[in-house]
PDB file of all heavy atoms in Angstrom:
ATOM      1  N   MET A   1     -16.605  27.359 -58.376  1.00  0.00           N
ATOM      2  CA  MET A   1     -16.534  26.708 -57.071  1.00  0.00           C
ATOM      3  C   MET A   1     -16.446  25.210 -57.337  1.00  0.00           C
ATOM      4  O   MET A   1     -17.228  24.668 -58.112  1.00  0.00           O
ATOM      5  CB  MET A   1     -17.778  27.017 -56.231  1.00  0.00           C
ATOM      6  CG  MET A   1     -17.840  28.451 -55.789  1.00  0.00           C
ATOM      7  SD  MET A   1     -19.371  28.964 -54.960  1.00  0.00           S
ATOM      8  CE  MET A   1     -19.632  27.753 -53.742  1.00  0.00           C
ATOM      9  N   LYS A   2     -15.489  24.576 -56.709  1.00  0.00           N
ATOM     10  CA  LYS A   2     -15.346  23.134 -56.832  1.00  0.00           C
ATOM     11  C   LYS A   2     -15.537  22.532 -55.452  1.00  0.00           C
ATOM     12  O   LYS A   2     -14.870  22.919 -54.499  1.00  0.00           O
ATOM     13  CB  LYS A   2     -13.967  22.769 -57.378  1.00  0.00           C
ATOM     14  CG  LYS A   2     -13.715  23.277 -58.780  1.00  0.00           C
ATOM     15  CD  LYS A   2     -12.319  22.912 -59.240  1.00  0.00           C
ATOM     16  CE  LYS A   2     -12.066  23.490 -60.618  1.00  0.00           C
ATOM     17  NZ  LYS A   2     -10.719  23.182 -61.089  1.00  0.00           N
ATOM     18  N   LEU A   3     -16.437  21.598 -55.345  1.00  0.00           N
ATOM     19  CA  LEU A   3     -16.734  20.950 -54.070  1.00  0.00           C
ATOM     20  C   LEU A   3     -16.360  19.475 -54.167  1.00  0.00           C
ATOM     21  O   LEU A   3     -16.672  18.810 -55.154  1.00  0.00           O
ATOM     22  CB  LEU A   3     -18.209  21.093 -53.726  1.00  0.00           C
ATOM     23  CG  LEU A   3     -18.739  22.540 -53.688  1.00  0.00           C
ATOM     24  CD1 LEU A   3     -20.236  22.538 -53.482  1.00  0.00           C
ATOM     25  CD2 LEU A   3     -18.044  23.329 -52.607  1.00  0.00           C
ATOM     26  N   PHE A   4     -15.716  18.979 -53.127  1.00  0.00           N
ATOM     27  CA  PHE A   4     -15.309  17.586 -53.080  1.00  0.00           C
ATOM     28  C   PHE A   4     -15.737  16.987 -51.749  1.00  0.00           C
ATOM     29  O   PHE A   4     -15.714  17.668 -50.725  1.00  0.00           O
ATOM     30  CB  PHE A   4     -13.777  17.446 -53.200  1.00  0.00           C
ATOM     31  CG  PHE A   4     -13.205  18.050 -54.443  1.00  0.00           C
ATOM     32  CD1 PHE A   4     -12.707  19.333 -54.441  1.00  0.00           C
ATOM     33  CD2 PHE A   4     -13.167  17.322 -55.624  1.00  0.00           C
ATOM     34  CE1 PHE A   4     -12.169  19.900 -55.579  1.00  0.00           C
ATOM     35  CE2 PHE A   4     -12.632  17.871 -56.776  1.00  0.00           C
ATOM     36  CZ  PHE A   4     -12.134  19.162 -56.756  1.00  0.00           C
ATOM     37  N   GLN A   5     -16.107  15.730 -51.778  1.00  0.00           N
ATOM     38  CA  GLN A   5     -16.399  15.021 -50.534  1.00  0.00           C
ATOM     39  C   GLN A   5     -15.152  14.246 -50.166  1.00  0.00           C
ATOM     40  O   GLN A   5     -14.665  13.412 -50.942  1.00  0.00           O
ATOM     41  CB  GLN A   5     -17.577  14.071 -50.708  1.00  0.00           C
ATOM     42  CG  GLN A   5     -17.907  13.328 -49.439  1.00  0.00           C
ATOM     43  CD  GLN A   5     -19.166  12.483 -49.576  1.00  0.00           C
ATOM     44  OE1 GLN A   5     -19.875  12.565 -50.562  1.00  0.00           O
ATOM     45  NE2 GLN A   5     -19.414  11.670 -48.583  1.00  0.00           N
ATOM     46  N   LEU A   6     -14.616  14.528 -48.985  1.00  0.00           N
ATOM     47  CA  LEU A   6     -13.418  13.847 -48.527  1.00  0.00           C
ATOM     48  C   LEU A   6     -13.789  12.498 -47.937  1.00  0.00           C
ATOM     49  O   LEU A   6     -14.761  12.378 -47.195  1.00  0.00           O
ATOM     50  CB  LEU A   6     -12.700  14.690 -47.465  1.00  0.00           C
ATOM     51  CG  LEU A   6     -12.240  16.071 -47.899  1.00  0.00           C
ATOM     52  CD1 LEU A   6     -11.638  16.811 -46.705  1.00  0.00           C
ATOM     53  CD2 LEU A   6     -11.234  15.973 -49.017  1.00  0.00           C
ATOM     54  N   MET A   7     -13.024  11.508 -48.257  1.00  0.00           N
ATOM     55  CA  MET A   7     -13.239  10.181 -47.697  1.00  0.00           C
ATOM     56  C   MET A   7     -12.176   9.957 -46.620  1.00  0.00           C
ATOM     57  O   MET A   7     -11.010   9.740 -46.930  1.00  0.00           O
ATOM     58  CB  MET A   7     -13.132   9.104 -48.777  1.00  0.00           C
ATOM     59  CG  MET A   7     -14.107   9.321 -49.938  1.00  0.00           C
ATOM     60  SD  MET A   7     -15.824   9.412 -49.420  1.00  0.00           S
ATOM     61  CE  MET A   7     -16.198   7.709 -49.179  1.00  0.00           C
ATOM     62  N   VAL A   8     -12.581  10.087 -45.356  1.00  0.00           N
ATOM     63  CA  VAL A   8     -11.661   9.904 -44.239  1.00  0.00           C
ATOM     64  C   VAL A   8     -12.243   8.866 -43.291  1.00  0.00           C
ATOM     65  O   VAL A   8     -13.454   8.677 -43.210  1.00  0.00           O
ATOM     66  CB  VAL A   8     -11.413  11.232 -43.479  1.00  0.00           C
ATOM     67  CG1 VAL A   8     -10.716  12.245 -44.369  1.00  0.00           C
ATOM     68  CG2 VAL A   8     -12.690  11.798 -42.945  1.00  0.00           C
ATOM     69  N   GLU A   9     -11.365   8.208 -42.597  1.00  0.00           N
ATOM     70  CA  GLU A   9     -11.817   7.237 -41.607  1.00  0.00           C
ATOM     71  C   GLU A   9     -12.080   7.969 -40.295  1.00  0.00           C
ATOM     72  O   GLU A   9     -11.283   8.792 -39.867  1.00  0.00           O
ATOM     73  CB  GLU A   9     -10.759   6.156 -41.403  1.00  0.00           C
ATOM     74  CG  GLU A   9     -10.599   5.261 -42.608  1.00  0.00           C
ATOM     75  CD  GLU A   9      -9.668   4.099 -42.318  1.00  0.00           C
ATOM     76  OE1 GLU A   9      -9.532   3.722 -41.134  1.00  0.00           O
ATOM     77  OE2 GLU A   9      -9.094   3.584 -43.277  1.00  0.00           O
ATOM     78  N   HIS A  10     -13.218   7.652 -39.697  1.00  0.00           N
ATOM     79  CA  HIS A  10     -13.593   8.267 -38.428  1.00  0.00           C
ATOM     80  C   HIS A  10     -13.297   7.308 -37.293  1.00  0.00           C
ATOM     81  O   HIS A  10     -13.339   6.085 -37.457  1.00  0.00           O
ATOM     82  CB  HIS A  10     -15.092   8.618 -38.431  1.00  0.00           C
ATOM     83  CG  HIS A  10     -15.438   9.731 -39.375  1.00  0.00           C
ATOM     84  ND1 HIS A  10     -15.232  11.046 -39.066  1.00  0.00           N
ATOM     85  CD2 HIS A  10     -15.974   9.712 -40.621  1.00  0.00           C
ATOM     86  CE1 HIS A  10     -15.618  11.800 -40.074  1.00  0.00           C
ATOM     87  NE2 HIS A  10     -16.073  11.013 -41.036  1.00  0.00           N
ATOM     88  N   PRO A  11     -13.020   7.854 -36.115  1.00  0.00           N
ATOM     89  CA  PRO A  11     -12.831   6.997 -34.944  1.00  0.00           C
ATOM     90  C   PRO A  11     -14.100   6.188 -34.653  1.00  0.00           C
ATOM     91  O   PRO A  11     -15.197   6.553 -35.075  1.00  0.00           O
ATOM     92  CB  PRO A  11     -12.547   7.980 -33.810  1.00  0.00           C
ATOM     93  CG  PRO A  11     -12.151   9.256 -34.470  1.00  0.00           C
ATOM     94  CD  PRO A  11     -12.800   9.255 -35.813  1.00  0.00           C
ATOM     95  N   VAL A  12     -13.951   5.101 -33.915  1.00  0.00           N
ATOM     96  CA  VAL A  12     -15.069   4.198 -33.620  1.00  0.00           C
ATOM     97  C   VAL A  12     -16.192   4.931 -32.898  1.00  0.00           C
ATOM     98  O   VAL A  12     -17.368   4.700 -33.187  1.00  0.00           O
ATOM     99  CB  VAL A  12     -14.569   3.002 -32.771  1.00  0.00           C
ATOM    100  CG1 VAL A  12     -15.720   2.091 -32.384  1.00  0.00           C
ATOM    101  CG2 VAL A  12     -13.501   2.244 -33.527  1.00  0.00           C
ATOM    102  N   GLU A  13     -15.874   5.856 -31.980  1.00  0.00           N
ATOM    103  CA  GLU A  13     -16.923   6.559 -31.230  1.00  0.00           C
ATOM    104  C   GLU A  13     -17.745   7.474 -32.129  1.00  0.00           C
ATOM    105  O   GLU A  13     -18.880   7.813 -31.806  1.00  0.00           O
ATOM    106  CB  GLU A  13     -16.340   7.356 -30.061  1.00  0.00           C
ATOM    107  CG  GLU A  13     -15.333   8.416 -30.432  1.00  0.00           C
ATOM    108  CD  GLU A  13     -13.887   7.918 -30.412  1.00  0.00           C
ATOM    109  OE1 GLU A  13     -13.649   6.715 -30.227  1.00  0.00           O
ATOM    110  OE2 GLU A  13     -13.002   8.752 -30.614  1.00  0.00           O
ATOM    111  N   ASP A  14     -17.221   7.890 -33.266  1.00  0.00           N
ATOM    112  CA  ASP A  14     -17.968   8.749 -34.193  1.00  0.00           C
ATOM    113  C   ASP A  14     -18.947   7.966 -35.062  1.00  0.00           C
ATOM    114  O   ASP A  14     -19.829   8.542 -35.684  1.00  0.00           O
ATOM    115  CB  ASP A  14     -17.018   9.532 -35.106  1.00  0.00           C
ATOM    116  CG  ASP A  14     -16.311  10.656 -34.376  1.00  0.00           C
ATOM    117  OD1 ASP A  14     -16.668  10.916 -33.211  1.00  0.00           O
ATOM    118  OD2 ASP A  14     -15.412  11.270 -34.976  1.00  0.00           O
ATOM    119  N   GLU A  15     -18.836   6.631 -35.113  1.00  0.00           N
ATOM    120  CA  GLU A  15     -19.718   5.834 -35.965  1.00  0.00           C
ATOM    121  C   GLU A  15     -21.152   5.820 -35.456  1.00  0.00           C
ATOM    122  O   GLU A  15     -22.084   5.654 -36.229  1.00  0.00           O
ATOM    123  CB  GLU A  15     -19.179   4.406 -36.081  1.00  0.00           C
ATOM    124  CG  GLU A  15     -17.906   4.336 -36.904  1.00  0.00           C
ATOM    125  CD  GLU A  15     -17.382   2.917 -37.032  1.00  0.00           C
ATOM    126  OE1 GLU A  15     -18.135   1.965 -36.725  1.00  0.00           O
ATOM    127  OE2 GLU A  15     -16.232   2.769 -37.453  1.00  0.00           O
ATOM    128  N   SER A  16     -21.351   6.013 -34.161  1.00  0.00           N
ATOM    129  CA  SER A  16     -22.700   5.998 -33.595  1.00  0.00           C
ATOM    130  C   SER A  16     -23.396   7.354 -33.695  1.00  0.00           C
ATOM    131  O   SER A  16     -24.571   7.471 -33.378  1.00  0.00           O
ATOM    132  CB  SER A  16     -22.646   5.555 -32.134  1.00  0.00           C
ATOM    133  OG  SER A  16     -21.902   6.493 -31.383  1.00  0.00           O
ATOM    134  N   VAL A  17     -22.705   8.374 -34.149  1.00  0.00           N
ATOM    135  CA  VAL A  17     -23.258   9.725 -34.228  1.00  0.00           C
ATOM    136  C   VAL A  17     -24.039   9.882 -35.526  1.00  0.00           C
ATOM    137  O   VAL A  17     -23.590   9.488 -36.601  1.00  0.00           O
ATOM    138  CB  VAL A  17     -22.125  10.781 -34.166  1.00  0.00           C
ATOM    139  CG1 VAL A  17     -22.674  12.177 -34.341  1.00  0.00           C
ATOM    140  CG2 VAL A  17     -21.358  10.652 -32.868  1.00  0.00           C
ATOM    141  N   ASP A  18     -25.246  10.446 -35.409  1.00  0.00           N
ATOM    142  CA  ASP A  18     -26.040  10.760 -36.600  1.00  0.00           C
ATOM    143  C   ASP A  18     -25.643  12.164 -37.055  1.00  0.00           C
ATOM    144  O   ASP A  18     -26.121  13.169 -36.537  1.00  0.00           O
ATOM    145  CB  ASP A  18     -27.536  10.702 -36.279  1.00  0.00           C
ATOM    146  CG  ASP A  18     -28.401  10.919 -37.515  1.00  0.00           C
ATOM    147  OD1 ASP A  18     -27.834  11.091 -38.623  1.00  0.00           O
ATOM    148  OD2 ASP A  18     -29.633  10.925 -37.377  1.00  0.00           O
ATOM    149  N   TRP A  19     -24.760  12.254 -38.043  1.00  0.00           N
ATOM    150  CA  TRP A  19     -24.183  13.525 -38.479  1.00  0.00           C
ATOM    151  C   TRP A  19     -25.186  14.436 -39.163  1.00  0.00           C
ATOM    152  O   TRP A  19     -24.929  15.611 -39.352  1.00  0.00           O
ATOM    153  CB  TRP A  19     -22.986  13.267 -39.403  1.00  0.00           C
ATOM    154  CG  TRP A  19     -21.826  12.711 -38.648  1.00  0.00           C
ATOM    155  CD1 TRP A  19     -21.498  11.399 -38.503  1.00  0.00           C
ATOM    156  CD2 TRP A  19     -20.870  13.440 -37.893  1.00  0.00           C
ATOM    157  NE1 TRP A  19     -20.395  11.254 -37.708  1.00  0.00           N
ATOM    158  CE2 TRP A  19     -19.986  12.501 -37.325  1.00  0.00           C
ATOM    159  CE3 TRP A  19     -20.668  14.791 -37.634  1.00  0.00           C
ATOM    160  CZ2 TRP A  19     -18.913  12.873 -36.511  1.00  0.00           C
ATOM    161  CZ3 TRP A  19     -19.601  15.157 -36.846  1.00  0.00           C
ATOM    162  CH2 TRP A  19     -18.739  14.217 -36.295  1.00  0.00           C
ATOM    163  N   THR A  20     -26.354  13.917 -39.528  1.00  0.00           N
ATOM    164  CA  THR A  20     -27.371  14.761 -40.162  1.00  0.00           C
ATOM    165  C   THR A  20     -28.132  15.580 -39.123  1.00  0.00           C
ATOM    166  O   THR A  20     -28.788  16.553 -39.466  1.00  0.00           O
ATOM    167  CB  THR A  20     -28.365  13.923 -40.972  1.00  0.00           C
ATOM    168  OG1 THR A  20     -29.025  13.002 -40.095  1.00  0.00           O
ATOM    169  CG2 THR A  20     -27.663  13.186 -42.089  1.00  0.00           C
ATOM    170  N   LYS A  21     -28.056  15.190 -37.841  1.00  0.00           N
ATOM    171  CA  LYS A  21     -28.823  15.875 -36.804  1.00  0.00           C
ATOM    172  C   LYS A  21     -27.960  16.705 -35.860  1.00  0.00           C
ATOM    173  O   LYS A  21     -28.452  17.232 -34.877  1.00  0.00           O
ATOM    174  CB  LYS A  21     -29.628  14.844 -36.009  1.00  0.00           C
ATOM    175  CG  LYS A  21     -30.666  14.175 -36.875  1.00  0.00           C
ATOM    176  CD  LYS A  21     -31.554  13.269 -36.093  1.00  0.00           C
ATOM    177  CE  LYS A  21     -32.596  12.720 -37.058  1.00  0.00           C
ATOM    178  NZ  LYS A  21     -33.242  11.563 -36.602  1.00  0.00           N
ATOM    179  N   ILE A  22     -26.702  16.833 -36.169  1.00  0.00           N
ATOM    180  CA  ILE A  22     -25.817  17.647 -35.330  1.00  0.00           C
ATOM    181  C   ILE A  22     -26.106  19.114 -35.598  1.00  0.00           C
ATOM    182  O   ILE A  22     -26.282  19.527 -36.729  1.00  0.00           O
ATOM    183  CB  ILE A  22     -24.347  17.325 -35.633  1.00  0.00           C
ATOM    184  CG1 ILE A  22     -24.017  15.959 -35.071  1.00  0.00           C
ATOM    185  CG2 ILE A  22     -23.421  18.386 -35.071  1.00  0.00           C
ATOM    186  CD1 ILE A  22     -22.590  15.555 -35.262  1.00  0.00           C
ATOM    187  N   GLU A  23     -26.141  19.898 -34.530  1.00  0.00           N
ATOM    188  CA  GLU A  23     -26.330  21.334 -34.673  1.00  0.00           C
ATOM    189  C   GLU A  23     -24.958  21.995 -34.837  1.00  0.00           C
ATOM    190  O   GLU A  23     -24.021  21.654 -34.124  1.00  0.00           O
ATOM    191  CB  GLU A  23     -27.032  21.904 -33.444  1.00  0.00           C
ATOM    192  CG  GLU A  23     -27.423  23.333 -33.628  1.00  0.00           C
ATOM    193  CD  GLU A  23     -28.520  23.746 -32.675  1.00  0.00           C
ATOM    194  OE1 GLU A  23     -29.371  22.919 -32.336  1.00  0.00           O
ATOM    195  OE2 GLU A  23     -28.500  24.916 -32.280  1.00  0.00           O
ATOM    196  N   PRO A  24     -24.817  22.938 -35.772  1.00  0.00           N
ATOM    197  CA  PRO A  24     -23.528  23.600 -35.961  1.00  0.00           C
ATOM    198  C   PRO A  24     -23.052  24.252 -34.665  1.00  0.00           C
ATOM    199  O   PRO A  24     -23.796  24.991 -34.023  1.00  0.00           O
ATOM    200  CB  PRO A  24     -23.818  24.660 -37.022  1.00  0.00           C
ATOM    201  CG  PRO A  24     -25.037  24.184 -37.725  1.00  0.00           C
ATOM    202  CD  PRO A  24     -25.831  23.430 -36.715  1.00  0.00           C
TER     203      PRO A  24
END
């Protein structure tokens, strides 16, 4: 299994979101 972290630019409205607390 090979795992990679993608580096993508997010829209400005996504910068205020705490992605660690989002529920699937």
